[in-house]
Each structure stands twice: as C-alpha cells, then as structure tokens.
Amino acid sequence: MRITCRPDNLVVEASPLHTVLENLLNAGVRHAHACGGNAACSTCRIMILEGSEHCRSMTPAEKKLAERLDLPVHIRLACQTRITGDVTLQRLVLDREDVEVAQHQLRAQSMGSQVSAAILSASLRGMATFDEDNFPYDIVYTLGRYFTQMGALVQRYQGVLASHSGFKSLALFGLKNPQNPQDAVQQALQTGLALLESVANLNTTLRELSYPEVSLTLGIHYGPTILLNIDPQDPQRVSAFGKSVNFATWLESANGELSSQLLISAPVYRAVKEQLSQVQAHPVKPSPNAKTIQVYAVDPRQANLLPKEDSVTGSPLATTQPTGWLETLREWLRAWSRF
C-alpha cells in the first residue's frame, strides 16, 4: 500500500503495522511531531484527501484530542492513524511557525470554526469634539464607563465581545446555542437597545455640564461567521471575520447616511418583525455595483424587547446603569468643570 504525500509530491510505501507518522519518518519525510507522537500536541495533523475509507478508527487518545479541538472528520493525527490501503494526504504543519500556530490552537482548544451568529457592530461617535488638551480624563472616564457598560450588557444577554478598535466594537450572539437564530437575534437587539438607553442617560449628564454629547450607531446582521483565536496571551478570546462581519460593520456606518441609530438586515428583521412596531425600510446599495437591498431602521423606543425579568432566575433585571454610577459621573465632571 502507498501514501501519496502532499505538498512534497512523494509516494511512500507504507506498512499497516506502522502509523502514518512512522511510515513518513521511515521514508525520510520530516513530519512535525512536537510531543513525540503521543497525541498530546496535534502538530502531526494531516488532511485525508483520498482513501479515508482505508483509515482505521481513531484511537481513544486521538478521539479525545479531536473533540478538544473540534477537528473535522477528515483531519487526523498521523501519530495515531494506521491505514489498510492507499491514501492521499496533505501535511498541514510544515515548519516552526506552523508548529507554534498548532500549539497556540491547542491552548485555545480550537482550530477556529465557522458558526452562524448575530453580529452587533457598534460605534461611539462624538468623542473627537472633547478637548483632549484640557480635559483628557473626561475622555478616559467617559470611554471607561461606556466600554464597561457595554461589556456588562453583552454578558447579560449571553453575547461575546469579539473586538474593540478605537471607538468601534463588535459583539456576537448565539454562539452557545447556534440552533436557535431567533434567540441570538433578539439578544443582539436587546443589547443594542440597552446600549442606546445607556448612552442617552450619559448624554443627560453631559448636557447638564455643557459638555458635547456623544452618539451611538449600531448595525445588526445574522449570518455565517469565521471565529479565530489570534491572541496568544488570551487563548479564550475570539475574533470574528467574514462577509457577515463586514456587512454588519457596513450597516453600522450606513446610519450616518440614513440619519438613523440602529440598522438591521433583512434576516434580522424576519426573525423579530412581530416584536418591532416602529421600523422604516430603506432600499440601499452596499457598494456602487451591488444590487439594491432592504435594510431596516429600528426606532430605539422598542421597550417591548427589553425583558423585565431574568430568563434564568425569574428575578427582575438590574437597570441598565450600575447603581450610583450616574451620580458619581455627575460629581466627577462637576469637579473637573471648576478648572
């Protein structure tokens, strides 16, 4: 029997008594196996291109690691796989950098995945009008409160913060229960509406002190999303990529042109249209050469979407502002306004 090995373009005579790793090493192929071939690192991973029916079943050790990393069925560990006939495979870890990536994925317990999720894109606008020379702590404090509140609300509605970039943020919903898109969409909308209310309360304080107001614009879309862990210092933190993410980001930016605060896509609208009483449809083109599509501007005063009780405990939800923080902010800003 033979192993056709890519990208080396080698054909290796194989013994059924040896693992794929042992057969490759015996043929002089320098195949990665950082743990010594003990199913502890996944650096020997291979993709079976042809002949999967000739691969023996996973060993308990391989099955455990495959479940930990959520490996697809055509990705096998060379150190654990034995064959009964000809196979064609692709070596996936080719150099030291690939080994480091594989070890990072092991720490994160994921190679990355594609899931369907509700994507909330948010942008805080107006901070550039703050006087950075005279009142730098105003910026620090206001941003600190906003991002803290956003994190708390995303967590409350079972979402995950995927990224921050300047005044822009991205949150994902439905990762824990991808089979229920309607729940994911509703959680994203609830978070967005609560954030708008939070920023409105903040602006009340800023107006009292004759400070410039800030505004929040949001875009929500539902679709397939690629999740990757790209931070070696935080293996559990995910980043989101793909067309759906780009579309949610575009939706958020389109608020300026449409004079709206919260825009949702057609899939989001279809999922929750029965709960939305004040929605305005807009025909738009995401790009000059794109087809015209419908997006929907949601009136922020959709209180019926904000639950009055915690769905888990049945107890009343906390208000959207932490107890006493608004009063603290007022006092803090008043103190600064004296200078």
Protein backbone atom coordinates (compact mmCIF):
# COMPACT_ATOMS: atom_id res chain seq x y z
CA MET A 1 0.00 0.00 0.00
CA ARG A 2 1.07 3.56 -0.62
CA ILE A 3 0.82 7.01 0.90
CA THR A 4 0.78 9.93 -1.53
CA CYS A 5 2.11 12.86 0.44
CA ARG A 6 1.47 16.50 -0.38
CA PRO A 7 2.85 19.15 -0.72
CA ASP A 8 6.01 17.02 -1.01
CA ASN A 9 4.63 15.15 -4.05
CA LEU A 10 6.11 11.91 -2.70
CA VAL A 11 4.73 8.39 -2.89
CA VAL A 12 5.71 6.37 0.17
CA GLU A 13 5.48 2.60 0.60
CA ALA A 14 3.58 2.01 3.83
CA SER A 15 3.25 -0.79 6.34
CA PRO A 16 -0.13 -1.39 8.04
CA LEU A 17 1.77 -2.20 11.24
CA HIS A 18 3.10 1.36 11.48
CA THR A 19 1.30 4.64 11.96
CA VAL A 20 1.24 7.19 9.17
CA LEU A 21 3.79 9.22 11.12
CA GLU A 22 6.16 6.26 11.40
CA ASN A 23 5.79 5.50 7.70
CA LEU A 24 6.55 9.10 6.76
CA LEU A 25 9.57 9.32 9.06
CA ASN A 26 10.92 6.00 7.76
CA ALA A 27 10.71 7.42 4.23
CA GLY A 28 12.71 10.49 5.23
CA VAL A 29 9.79 12.95 5.41
CA ARG A 30 10.45 15.43 8.22
CA HIS A 31 6.90 15.47 9.55
CA ALA A 32 6.26 17.55 12.68
CA HIS A 33 5.52 15.70 15.93
CA ALA A 34 6.39 18.04 18.79
CA CYS A 35 5.11 15.71 21.52
CA GLY A 36 7.00 12.69 20.18
CA GLY A 37 3.94 11.05 18.66
CA ASN A 38 1.83 10.73 21.80
CA ALA A 39 -1.36 12.54 20.70
CA ALA A 40 -0.59 15.45 23.01
CA CYS A 41 0.09 18.34 20.61
CA SER A 42 -1.72 17.89 17.25
CA THR A 43 1.33 19.14 15.28
CA CYS A 44 1.33 15.90 13.26
CA ARG A 45 -2.18 16.63 11.91
CA ILE A 46 -2.89 15.63 8.33
CA MET A 47 -5.81 16.13 5.94
CA ILE A 48 -7.03 12.98 4.23
CA LEU A 49 -7.72 13.91 0.60
CA GLU A 50 -8.40 10.41 -0.77
CA GLY A 51 -8.78 6.98 0.78
CA SER A 52 -10.45 7.90 4.06
CA GLU A 53 -12.15 4.51 3.96
CA HIS A 54 -8.69 2.97 4.36
CA CYS A 55 -8.01 4.78 7.64
CA ARG A 56 -8.59 2.81 10.80
CA SER A 57 -10.86 4.24 13.50
CA MET A 58 -9.49 6.81 15.91
CA THR A 59 -7.66 5.64 18.98
CA PRO A 60 -9.08 6.87 22.32
CA ALA A 61 -6.18 9.35 22.58
CA GLU A 62 -6.84 10.76 19.10
CA LYS A 63 -10.58 10.96 19.71
CA LYS A 64 -10.02 12.91 22.93
CA LEU A 65 -7.78 15.48 21.24
CA ALA A 66 -10.05 15.73 18.18
CA GLU A 67 -13.01 16.51 20.42
CA ARG A 68 -10.96 19.05 22.36
CA LEU A 69 -10.01 20.91 19.17
CA ASP A 70 -13.28 20.22 17.36
CA LEU A 71 -11.39 18.74 14.42
CA PRO A 72 -13.40 17.82 11.31
CA VAL A 73 -13.54 14.13 10.42
CA HIS A 74 -11.05 14.43 7.54
CA ILE A 75 -8.33 15.83 9.81
CA ARG A 76 -6.42 13.03 11.51
CA LEU A 77 -3.35 12.71 13.73
CA ALA A 78 -0.55 10.97 11.83
CA CYS A 79 0.87 9.57 15.08
CA GLN A 80 -2.35 7.66 15.79
CA THR A 81 -3.63 6.75 12.31
CA ARG A 82 -2.99 3.40 10.67
CA ILE A 83 -4.12 2.55 7.16
CA THR A 84 -5.31 -0.56 5.33
CA GLY A 85 -4.99 0.72 1.76
CA ASP A 86 -3.77 3.58 -0.41
CA VAL A 87 -4.36 7.12 0.86
CA THR A 88 -3.54 10.63 -0.33
CA LEU A 89 -2.89 13.18 2.38
CA GLN A 90 -1.89 16.80 2.88
CA ARG A 91 0.63 17.63 5.58
CA LEU A 92 -0.69 20.65 7.48
CA VAL A 93 2.20 21.61 9.76
CA LEU A 94 5.28 22.28 7.64
CA ASP A 95 7.66 24.50 9.61
CA ARG A 96 8.40 26.02 13.01
CA GLU A 97 5.81 28.77 12.60
CA ASP A 98 3.14 26.17 11.82
CA VAL A 99 4.15 24.29 14.98
CA GLU A 100 3.70 27.46 17.04
CA VAL A 101 0.26 28.02 15.49
CA ALA A 102 -0.76 24.44 16.28
CA GLN A 103 0.40 24.76 19.87
CA HIS A 104 -1.46 28.06 20.23
CA GLN A 105 -4.61 26.36 18.91
CA LEU A 106 -4.16 23.62 21.48
CA ARG A 107 -4.01 26.21 24.27
CA ALA A 108 -7.13 27.86 22.86
CA GLN A 109 -8.73 24.42 22.45
CA SER A 110 -9.83 25.32 18.95
CA MET A 111 -8.50 25.46 15.40
CA GLY A 112 -11.11 28.05 14.56
CA SER A 113 -14.57 27.43 13.21
CA GLN A 114 -17.43 28.80 11.16
CA VAL A 115 -20.69 29.39 13.01
CA SER A 116 -23.89 31.27 12.37
CA ALA A 117 -24.26 34.20 14.75
CA ALA A 118 -25.99 37.51 15.31
CA ILE A 119 -23.39 40.24 14.88
CA LEU A 120 -23.69 43.59 16.63
CA SER A 121 -21.43 46.34 15.32
CA ALA A 122 -21.29 49.50 17.47
CA SER A 123 -19.55 52.85 17.08
CA LEU A 124 -19.39 55.64 19.67
CA ARG A 125 -19.38 58.99 17.86
CA GLY A 126 -18.61 62.50 19.02
CA MET A 127 -15.58 61.83 21.22
CA ALA A 128 -13.33 63.80 18.88
CA THR A 129 -15.07 67.02 19.99
CA PHE A 130 -13.87 66.61 23.56
CA ASP A 131 -10.99 68.90 24.49
CA GLU A 132 -8.11 66.44 24.75
CA ASP A 133 -5.64 69.12 25.85
CA ASN A 134 -7.57 70.46 28.82
CA PHE A 135 -9.77 67.56 29.84
CA PRO A 136 -8.05 64.26 29.00
CA TYR A 137 -9.63 62.49 31.97
CA ASP A 138 -13.09 63.33 30.62
CA ILE A 139 -12.30 61.12 27.64
CA VAL A 140 -10.82 58.36 29.77
CA TYR A 141 -13.72 58.37 32.20
CA THR A 142 -16.48 58.57 29.59
CA LEU A 143 -14.93 55.81 27.47
CA GLY A 144 -14.28 53.69 30.54
CA ARG A 145 -17.92 53.91 31.56
CA TYR A 146 -19.17 53.18 28.06
CA PHE A 147 -16.96 50.13 27.47
CA THR A 148 -17.62 48.79 30.97
CA GLN A 149 -21.35 49.15 30.42
CA MET A 150 -21.13 47.54 27.00
CA GLY A 151 -19.24 44.56 28.40
CA ALA A 152 -21.83 44.10 31.14
CA LEU A 153 -24.75 44.28 28.71
CA VAL A 154 -23.20 41.90 26.21
CA GLN A 155 -22.58 39.42 29.01
CA ARG A 156 -26.11 39.87 30.38
CA TYR A 157 -27.61 38.95 27.02
CA GLN A 158 -25.26 35.96 26.60
CA GLY A 159 -23.04 37.51 23.97
CA VAL A 160 -19.27 37.63 23.47
CA LEU A 161 -17.19 40.73 22.75
CA ALA A 162 -15.15 39.91 19.66
CA SER A 163 -13.14 43.08 19.15
CA HIS A 164 -12.52 46.73 20.05
CA SER A 165 -10.87 49.15 17.66
CA GLY A 166 -10.84 52.77 18.72
CA PHE A 167 -14.46 53.71 19.32
CA LYS A 168 -15.78 50.70 17.41
CA SER A 169 -16.80 47.35 18.92
CA LEU A 170 -18.11 44.02 17.73
CA ALA A 171 -20.18 41.53 19.72
CA LEU A 172 -21.51 38.07 18.79
CA PHE A 173 -24.66 36.34 19.98
CA GLY A 174 -25.87 32.77 19.62
CA LEU A 175 -22.52 31.02 19.97
CA LYS A 176 -23.79 28.99 22.93
CA ASN A 177 -26.94 27.89 21.10
CA PRO A 178 -26.40 28.15 17.33
CA GLN A 179 -29.53 26.10 16.62
CA ASN A 180 -31.77 28.97 17.70
CA PRO A 181 -31.12 32.02 15.48
CA GLN A 182 -34.22 33.87 16.69
CA ASP A 183 -32.87 33.94 20.26
CA ALA A 184 -29.48 35.15 19.02
CA VAL A 185 -31.07 37.99 17.03
CA GLN A 186 -33.26 39.00 19.95
CA GLN A 187 -30.30 39.04 22.33
CA ALA A 188 -28.34 41.27 19.95
CA LEU A 189 -31.29 43.66 19.64
CA GLN A 190 -31.81 43.74 23.39
CA THR A 191 -28.15 44.60 23.88
CA GLY A 192 -28.29 47.32 21.23
CA LEU A 193 -31.40 48.94 22.67
CA ALA A 194 -30.00 48.84 26.20
CA LEU A 195 -26.76 50.43 24.96
CA LEU A 196 -28.69 53.24 23.28
CA GLU A 197 -30.53 53.85 26.54
CA SER A 198 -27.24 53.87 28.44
CA VAL A 199 -25.72 56.47 26.10
CA ALA A 200 -28.89 58.57 26.32
CA ASN A 201 -28.51 58.64 30.11
CA LEU A 202 -24.87 59.60 29.77
CA ASN A 203 -25.82 62.49 27.48
CA THR A 204 -28.21 63.81 30.13
CA THR A 205 -25.24 64.31 32.42
CA LEU A 206 -23.07 65.80 29.67
CA ARG A 207 -25.77 68.35 28.79
CA GLU A 208 -26.10 69.43 32.42
CA LEU A 209 -22.41 70.29 32.39
CA SER A 210 -22.42 71.93 28.93
CA TYR A 211 -20.24 69.15 27.56
CA PRO A 212 -20.53 67.87 23.96
CA GLU A 213 -22.87 64.96 23.59
CA VAL A 214 -21.88 61.60 22.17
CA SER A 215 -23.95 59.34 19.95
CA LEU A 216 -24.07 55.62 19.32
CA THR A 217 -24.78 53.94 16.00
CA LEU A 218 -25.43 50.21 15.65
CA GLY A 219 -25.73 47.61 12.90
CA ILE A 220 -27.03 44.07 13.42
CA HIS A 221 -26.81 41.19 10.95
CA TYR A 222 -27.17 37.42 11.18
CA GLY A 223 -25.05 35.06 9.10
CA PRO A 224 -22.06 32.69 8.92
CA THR A 225 -19.03 33.95 10.81
CA ILE A 226 -15.47 32.67 10.99
CA LEU A 227 -14.09 32.55 14.54
CA LEU A 228 -10.37 32.51 15.22
CA ASN A 229 -8.25 32.98 18.30
CA ILE A 230 -5.43 35.36 17.34
CA ASP A 231 -4.24 36.47 20.79
CA PRO A 232 -1.60 34.12 22.27
CA GLN A 233 -1.92 35.94 25.61
CA ASP A 234 -5.65 35.20 25.86
CA PRO A 235 -6.46 31.77 24.39
CA GLN A 236 -10.20 32.11 25.08
CA ARG A 237 -10.67 35.41 23.24
CA VAL A 238 -12.10 35.06 19.74
CA SER A 239 -12.04 37.38 16.76
CA ALA A 240 -14.65 37.32 14.01
CA PHE A 241 -14.08 37.51 10.26
CA GLY A 242 -16.02 37.08 7.04
CA LYS A 243 -18.62 38.68 4.81
CA SER A 244 -21.27 38.72 7.52
CA VAL A 245 -18.98 40.68 9.83
CA ASN A 246 -18.16 43.11 7.03
CA PHE A 247 -21.86 43.59 6.32
CA ALA A 248 -22.70 44.28 9.97
CA THR A 249 -19.91 46.87 10.03
CA TRP A 250 -21.24 48.44 6.84
CA LEU A 251 -24.75 48.57 8.35
CA GLU A 252 -23.43 50.50 11.33
CA SER A 253 -21.66 53.02 9.09
CA ALA A 254 -24.79 53.47 6.93
CA ASN A 255 -26.62 55.06 9.89
CA GLY A 256 -24.97 58.36 9.07
CA GLU A 257 -26.39 58.48 5.56
CA LEU A 258 -29.86 57.37 6.68
CA SER A 259 -29.98 59.55 9.82
CA SER A 260 -30.71 56.52 12.00
CA GLN A 261 -29.19 54.95 15.10
CA LEU A 262 -29.92 51.26 14.67
CA LEU A 263 -29.99 49.46 11.33
CA ILE A 264 -30.78 45.77 10.93
CA SER A 265 -30.50 43.47 7.94
CA ALA A 266 -33.34 41.56 6.30
CA PRO A 267 -32.50 38.24 8.08
CA VAL A 268 -32.63 40.02 11.43
CA TYR A 269 -35.89 41.76 10.56
CA ARG A 270 -37.54 38.50 9.51
CA ALA A 271 -36.57 36.86 12.79
CA VAL A 272 -38.14 39.53 15.05
CA LYS A 273 -40.54 41.54 12.89
CA GLU A 274 -43.50 40.52 15.05
CA GLN A 275 -41.88 42.28 18.00
CA LEU A 276 -40.98 45.51 16.20
CA SER A 277 -43.65 48.16 15.99
CA GLN A 278 -41.67 51.10 14.61
CA VAL A 279 -39.43 50.15 11.69
CA GLN A 280 -38.63 52.04 8.50
CA ALA A 281 -37.42 50.15 5.42
CA HIS A 282 -34.68 51.70 3.26
CA PRO A 283 -33.57 50.49 -0.19
CA VAL A 284 -29.78 50.81 -0.31
CA LYS A 285 -26.72 49.61 -2.23
CA PRO A 286 -23.83 48.34 -0.08
CA SER A 287 -21.48 49.26 -2.95
CA PRO A 288 -21.89 51.11 -6.27
CA ASN A 289 -22.09 47.88 -8.30
CA ALA A 290 -24.17 45.90 -5.82
CA LYS A 291 -27.86 45.09 -6.10
CA THR A 292 -30.34 47.17 -4.14
CA ILE A 293 -31.29 45.54 -0.85
CA GLN A 294 -33.62 46.42 2.01
CA VAL A 295 -32.31 47.43 5.41
CA TYR A 296 -34.44 48.47 8.34
CA ALA A 297 -34.08 51.40 10.73
CA VAL A 298 -35.39 50.48 14.18
CA ASP A 299 -36.80 53.15 16.49
CA PRO A 300 -34.82 52.92 19.76
CA ARG A 301 -38.04 53.11 21.76
CA GLN A 302 -38.74 49.40 21.43
CA ALA A 303 -39.24 48.75 25.14
CA ASN A 304 -41.16 45.54 24.46
CA LEU A 305 -37.87 43.88 23.50
CA LEU A 306 -36.26 44.58 26.88
CA PRO A 307 -37.15 41.77 29.32
CA LYS A 308 -38.39 42.79 32.74
CA GLU A 309 -37.13 39.60 34.39
CA ASP A 310 -34.04 37.44 34.16
CA SER A 311 -34.98 34.45 31.99
CA VAL A 312 -32.89 32.15 34.19
CA THR A 313 -33.63 33.26 37.74
CA GLY A 314 -37.02 34.92 37.19
CA SER A 315 -35.86 37.91 39.23
CA PRO A 316 -36.08 41.50 37.95
CA LEU A 317 -33.16 42.56 35.79
CA ALA A 318 -30.90 45.30 37.06
CA THR A 319 -31.38 48.69 35.46
CA THR A 320 -29.12 49.44 32.53
CA GLN A 321 -26.96 51.66 34.75
CA PRO A 322 -24.95 50.28 37.68
CA THR A 323 -26.30 51.62 40.95
CA GLY A 324 -24.95 55.09 41.67
CA TRP A 325 -22.61 55.37 38.69
CA LEU A 326 -24.53 58.23 37.06
CA GLU A 327 -24.39 60.27 40.24
CA THR A 328 -20.69 59.54 40.55
CA LEU A 329 -20.10 60.70 36.98
CA ARG A 330 -22.01 63.93 37.59
CA GLU A 331 -19.91 64.74 40.63
CA TRP A 332 -16.69 63.84 38.85
CA LEU A 333 -17.48 66.05 35.84
CA ARG A 334 -18.61 68.92 38.03
CA ALA A 335 -15.31 68.79 39.85
CA TRP A 336 -13.41 69.00 36.58
CA SER A 337 -15.60 71.84 35.27
CA ARG A 338 -14.32 74.09 38.04
CA PHE A 339 -10.85 74.19 36.49
